[in-house]
Amino acid sequence: MARGGGRSPFQITLRASERRWLKALTRRGTAQHRQVLRAKIVLLAAAGWTNAAIARKLGLAVNTVGKWRKRYAEQGMDGLRDRKRAGRPRGFAAAVVAEVKAIACELPATRGVPISRWSLGELRQEVIASGLVEAVSTTTLGRWLAEDAIKPWQHHAWSFLGTRRSRPRPHGCWICMSESLTAYRWARMPTS
């Protein structure tokens, strides 16, 4: 890229269909602001504007304009999309999260805990004691349970006596009742 906002080495030439699509994007009321700005950068660059002039007109940094001009010149329309970001890796496997939710849906007495309902602190102690995880915070547990509106501290239970795929069960399965019932216990029960 040229210093001082002069001519860019990335010259842009648009086909008529690309120009129409980019102009339509800038006029669309539901388009994301960042997509509109990128489209405007490309349109102005194709009209021969320098990076500095585009930056002044749109209120952006010259580096930002240069970045999107370069990406469009090298990748076309695909260059205007957001790239995938690595993000932080999952700390716990999905199976562990499901197992914790299943424990939260059990009555504490079924696990030999002498309380009437789980609190997040007691649930944390039980999950660690059972060997599912070495450590987990009550905040993390609360977030997992909130995903399915599971509230074991407001425990109401239904006993489902009966079948799973027409196979009789020797005992009932206690499920937490909330806005949406999620039967994690059924998935954990052996099918034989």
Protein backbone atom coordinates (compact mmCIF):
# COMPACT_ATOMS: atom_id res chain seq x y z
CA MET A 1 0.00 0.00 0.00
CA ALA A 2 1.31 3.43 -0.84
CA ARG A 3 2.34 5.72 2.02
CA GLY A 4 0.29 8.78 2.82
CA GLY A 5 -2.89 7.45 1.23
CA GLY A 6 -1.64 7.72 -2.36
CA ARG A 7 -2.53 5.25 -5.09
CA SER A 8 -3.01 1.74 -3.85
CA PRO A 9 -1.37 -1.20 -5.58
CA PHE A 10 -4.75 -2.95 -5.29
CA GLN A 11 -6.86 -1.47 -8.07
CA ILE A 12 -10.46 -2.61 -8.20
CA THR A 13 -12.58 -3.12 -11.30
CA LEU A 14 -16.18 -4.14 -10.79
CA ARG A 15 -18.47 -6.05 -13.12
CA ALA A 16 -21.95 -4.58 -13.52
CA SER A 17 -23.51 -7.36 -11.43
CA GLU A 18 -21.03 -6.78 -8.59
CA ARG A 19 -21.65 -3.03 -8.67
CA ARG A 20 -25.44 -3.56 -8.52
CA TRP A 21 -25.09 -6.00 -5.63
CA LEU A 22 -22.80 -3.67 -3.64
CA LYS A 23 -25.06 -0.63 -4.25
CA ALA A 24 -28.10 -2.64 -3.18
CA LEU A 25 -26.25 -3.67 -0.03
CA THR A 26 -25.50 -0.05 0.87
CA ARG A 27 -29.21 0.83 0.53
CA ARG A 28 -30.59 -2.16 2.39
CA GLY A 29 -32.00 -1.11 5.74
CA THR A 30 -31.45 -4.50 7.32
CA ALA A 31 -27.80 -4.90 6.31
CA GLN A 32 -25.19 -4.96 9.04
CA HIS A 33 -23.30 -1.67 9.37
CA ARG A 34 -19.91 -3.30 8.87
CA GLN A 35 -21.08 -4.90 5.60
CA VAL A 36 -22.40 -1.56 4.35
CA LEU A 37 -19.07 0.12 5.13
CA ARG A 38 -17.14 -2.60 3.30
CA ALA A 39 -19.39 -2.25 0.26
CA LYS A 40 -18.91 1.54 0.27
CA ILE A 41 -15.13 1.11 0.50
CA VAL A 42 -15.13 -1.17 -2.55
CA LEU A 43 -17.46 1.10 -4.55
CA LEU A 44 -15.37 4.19 -3.85
CA ALA A 45 -12.14 2.30 -4.55
CA ALA A 46 -13.56 1.15 -7.89
CA ALA A 47 -14.41 4.80 -8.65
CA GLY A 48 -10.71 5.65 -8.30
CA TRP A 49 -10.64 7.17 -4.81
CA THR A 50 -7.49 6.90 -2.72
CA ASN A 51 -7.51 5.10 0.63
CA ALA A 52 -7.05 8.41 2.48
CA ALA A 53 -10.01 10.03 0.70
CA ILE A 54 -12.23 7.02 1.36
CA ALA A 55 -11.16 7.00 5.03
CA ARG A 56 -12.01 10.71 5.40
CA LYS A 57 -15.39 10.34 3.69
CA LEU A 58 -16.45 7.31 5.73
CA GLY A 59 -14.78 8.30 9.02
CA LEU A 60 -12.51 5.25 9.10
CA ALA A 61 -8.80 4.63 9.58
CA VAL A 62 -6.70 4.47 6.41
CA ASN A 63 -5.48 1.00 7.46
CA THR A 64 -9.07 -0.26 7.61
CA VAL A 65 -9.79 0.98 4.11
CA GLY A 66 -6.57 -0.58 2.83
CA LYS A 67 -7.41 -3.90 4.47
CA TRP A 68 -10.83 -4.21 2.80
CA ARG A 69 -9.57 -2.95 -0.55
CA LYS A 70 -6.80 -5.56 -0.51
CA ARG A 71 -9.12 -8.38 0.57
CA TYR A 72 -11.61 -7.54 -2.18
CA ALA A 73 -8.85 -7.29 -4.80
CA GLU A 74 -7.45 -10.69 -3.80
CA GLN A 75 -10.64 -12.64 -2.95
CA GLY A 76 -13.54 -10.83 -4.60
CA MET A 77 -16.89 -10.86 -2.81
CA ASP A 78 -15.71 -13.60 -0.44
CA GLY A 79 -13.09 -11.18 0.89
CA LEU A 80 -15.82 -8.96 2.34
CA ARG A 81 -17.07 -11.68 4.69
CA ASP A 82 -15.90 -12.00 8.27
CA ARG A 83 -13.26 -14.66 8.72
CA LYS A 84 -13.75 -17.43 11.22
CA ARG A 85 -12.13 -16.69 14.52
CA ALA A 86 -10.44 -19.33 16.58
CA GLY A 87 -12.06 -18.39 19.86
CA ARG A 88 -11.47 -20.07 23.13
CA PRO A 89 -11.70 -23.88 23.04
CA ARG A 90 -14.44 -25.61 25.00
CA GLY A 91 -13.40 -26.29 28.55
CA PHE A 92 -15.75 -29.25 29.02
CA ALA A 93 -17.00 -31.88 26.60
CA ALA A 94 -20.68 -31.89 25.66
CA ALA A 95 -21.07 -35.30 27.31
CA VAL A 96 -19.87 -33.87 30.63
CA VAL A 97 -22.33 -30.97 30.37
CA ALA A 98 -25.19 -33.42 29.64
CA GLU A 99 -24.15 -35.60 32.58
CA VAL A 100 -24.14 -32.59 34.92
CA LYS A 101 -27.63 -31.64 33.70
CA ALA A 102 -28.78 -35.19 34.35
CA ILE A 103 -27.45 -35.06 37.91
CA ALA A 104 -29.23 -31.72 38.43
CA CYS A 105 -32.48 -33.38 37.37
CA GLU A 106 -32.11 -36.14 39.96
CA LEU A 107 -33.42 -35.86 43.46
CA PRO A 108 -30.39 -35.53 45.76
CA ALA A 109 -31.63 -38.49 47.82
CA THR A 110 -31.03 -40.82 44.84
CA ARG A 111 -27.33 -40.03 45.17
CA GLY A 112 -27.29 -40.37 48.94
CA VAL A 113 -27.15 -36.62 49.59
CA PRO A 114 -29.32 -35.68 52.62
CA ILE A 115 -30.91 -32.55 51.16
CA SER A 116 -34.28 -31.96 49.53
CA ARG A 117 -33.06 -30.04 46.46
CA TRP A 118 -29.78 -29.06 44.81
CA SER A 119 -28.18 -25.68 45.20
CA LEU A 120 -25.42 -24.76 42.77
CA GLY A 121 -22.79 -25.15 45.51
CA GLU A 122 -24.04 -28.61 46.51
CA LEU A 123 -24.35 -29.64 42.86
CA ARG A 124 -20.76 -28.52 42.30
CA GLN A 125 -19.56 -30.62 45.24
CA GLU A 126 -21.46 -33.68 43.93
CA VAL A 127 -20.13 -33.30 40.37
CA ILE A 128 -16.55 -33.04 41.62
CA ALA A 129 -17.03 -35.92 44.10
CA SER A 130 -18.46 -38.15 41.36
CA GLY A 131 -15.28 -37.64 39.33
CA LEU A 132 -16.93 -36.04 36.31
CA VAL A 133 -14.63 -33.02 36.52
CA GLU A 134 -11.70 -31.99 38.67
CA ALA A 135 -12.98 -28.45 39.12
CA VAL A 136 -15.90 -26.35 37.92
CA SER A 137 -17.32 -23.06 39.13
CA THR A 138 -20.88 -22.54 40.28
CA THR A 139 -21.16 -19.80 37.65
CA THR A 140 -20.37 -22.32 34.91
CA LEU A 141 -22.89 -24.78 36.34
CA GLY A 142 -25.53 -22.06 36.47
CA ARG A 143 -24.86 -21.14 32.83
CA TRP A 144 -25.16 -24.79 31.73
CA LEU A 145 -28.45 -25.26 33.58
CA ALA A 146 -29.85 -21.95 32.30
CA GLU A 147 -29.38 -23.17 28.70
CA ASP A 148 -32.30 -25.57 29.29
CA ALA A 149 -34.12 -23.65 32.04
CA ILE A 150 -33.22 -26.29 34.62
CA LYS A 151 -33.69 -24.95 38.15
CA PRO A 152 -33.04 -27.72 40.67
CA TRP A 153 -33.29 -25.30 43.60
CA GLN A 154 -36.96 -24.79 42.59
CA HIS A 155 -37.48 -28.52 42.31
CA HIS A 156 -40.80 -29.91 41.21
CA ALA A 157 -40.74 -33.45 39.94
CA TRP A 158 -42.82 -35.75 37.81
CA SER A 159 -42.32 -39.44 37.92
CA PHE A 160 -42.41 -41.06 34.50
CA LEU A 161 -43.16 -44.72 35.02
CA GLY A 162 -43.33 -46.60 31.81
CA THR A 163 -41.50 -47.34 28.68
CA ARG A 164 -38.80 -46.11 26.46
CA ARG A 165 -39.19 -47.57 22.98
CA SER A 166 -41.75 -50.00 24.41
CA ARG A 167 -39.33 -51.49 26.95
CA PRO A 168 -40.60 -51.54 30.53
CA ARG A 169 -38.57 -49.76 33.20
CA PRO A 170 -38.24 -51.26 36.66
CA HIS A 171 -38.28 -47.83 38.31
CA GLY A 172 -39.42 -44.30 37.62
CA CYS A 173 -37.30 -41.51 36.28
CA TRP A 174 -37.42 -38.15 38.03
CA ILE A 175 -37.31 -35.16 35.69
CA CYS A 176 -37.08 -31.49 36.65
CA MET A 177 -40.18 -29.62 35.59
CA SER A 178 -39.50 -26.18 34.17
CA GLU A 179 -40.55 -24.13 31.16
CA SER A 180 -39.20 -26.87 28.92
CA LEU A 181 -38.69 -30.44 30.07
CA THR A 182 -35.41 -31.96 29.04
CA ALA A 183 -35.19 -35.64 29.75
CA TYR A 184 -31.48 -36.19 30.15
CA ARG A 185 -32.10 -39.10 32.49
CA TRP A 186 -33.82 -41.08 29.72
CA ALA A 187 -30.69 -40.85 27.58
CA ARG A 188 -28.57 -42.20 30.43
CA MET A 189 -30.74 -45.22 31.19
CA PRO A 190 -29.53 -48.53 29.77
CA THR A 191 -31.70 -49.88 26.95
CA SER A 192 -31.36 -53.55 27.83
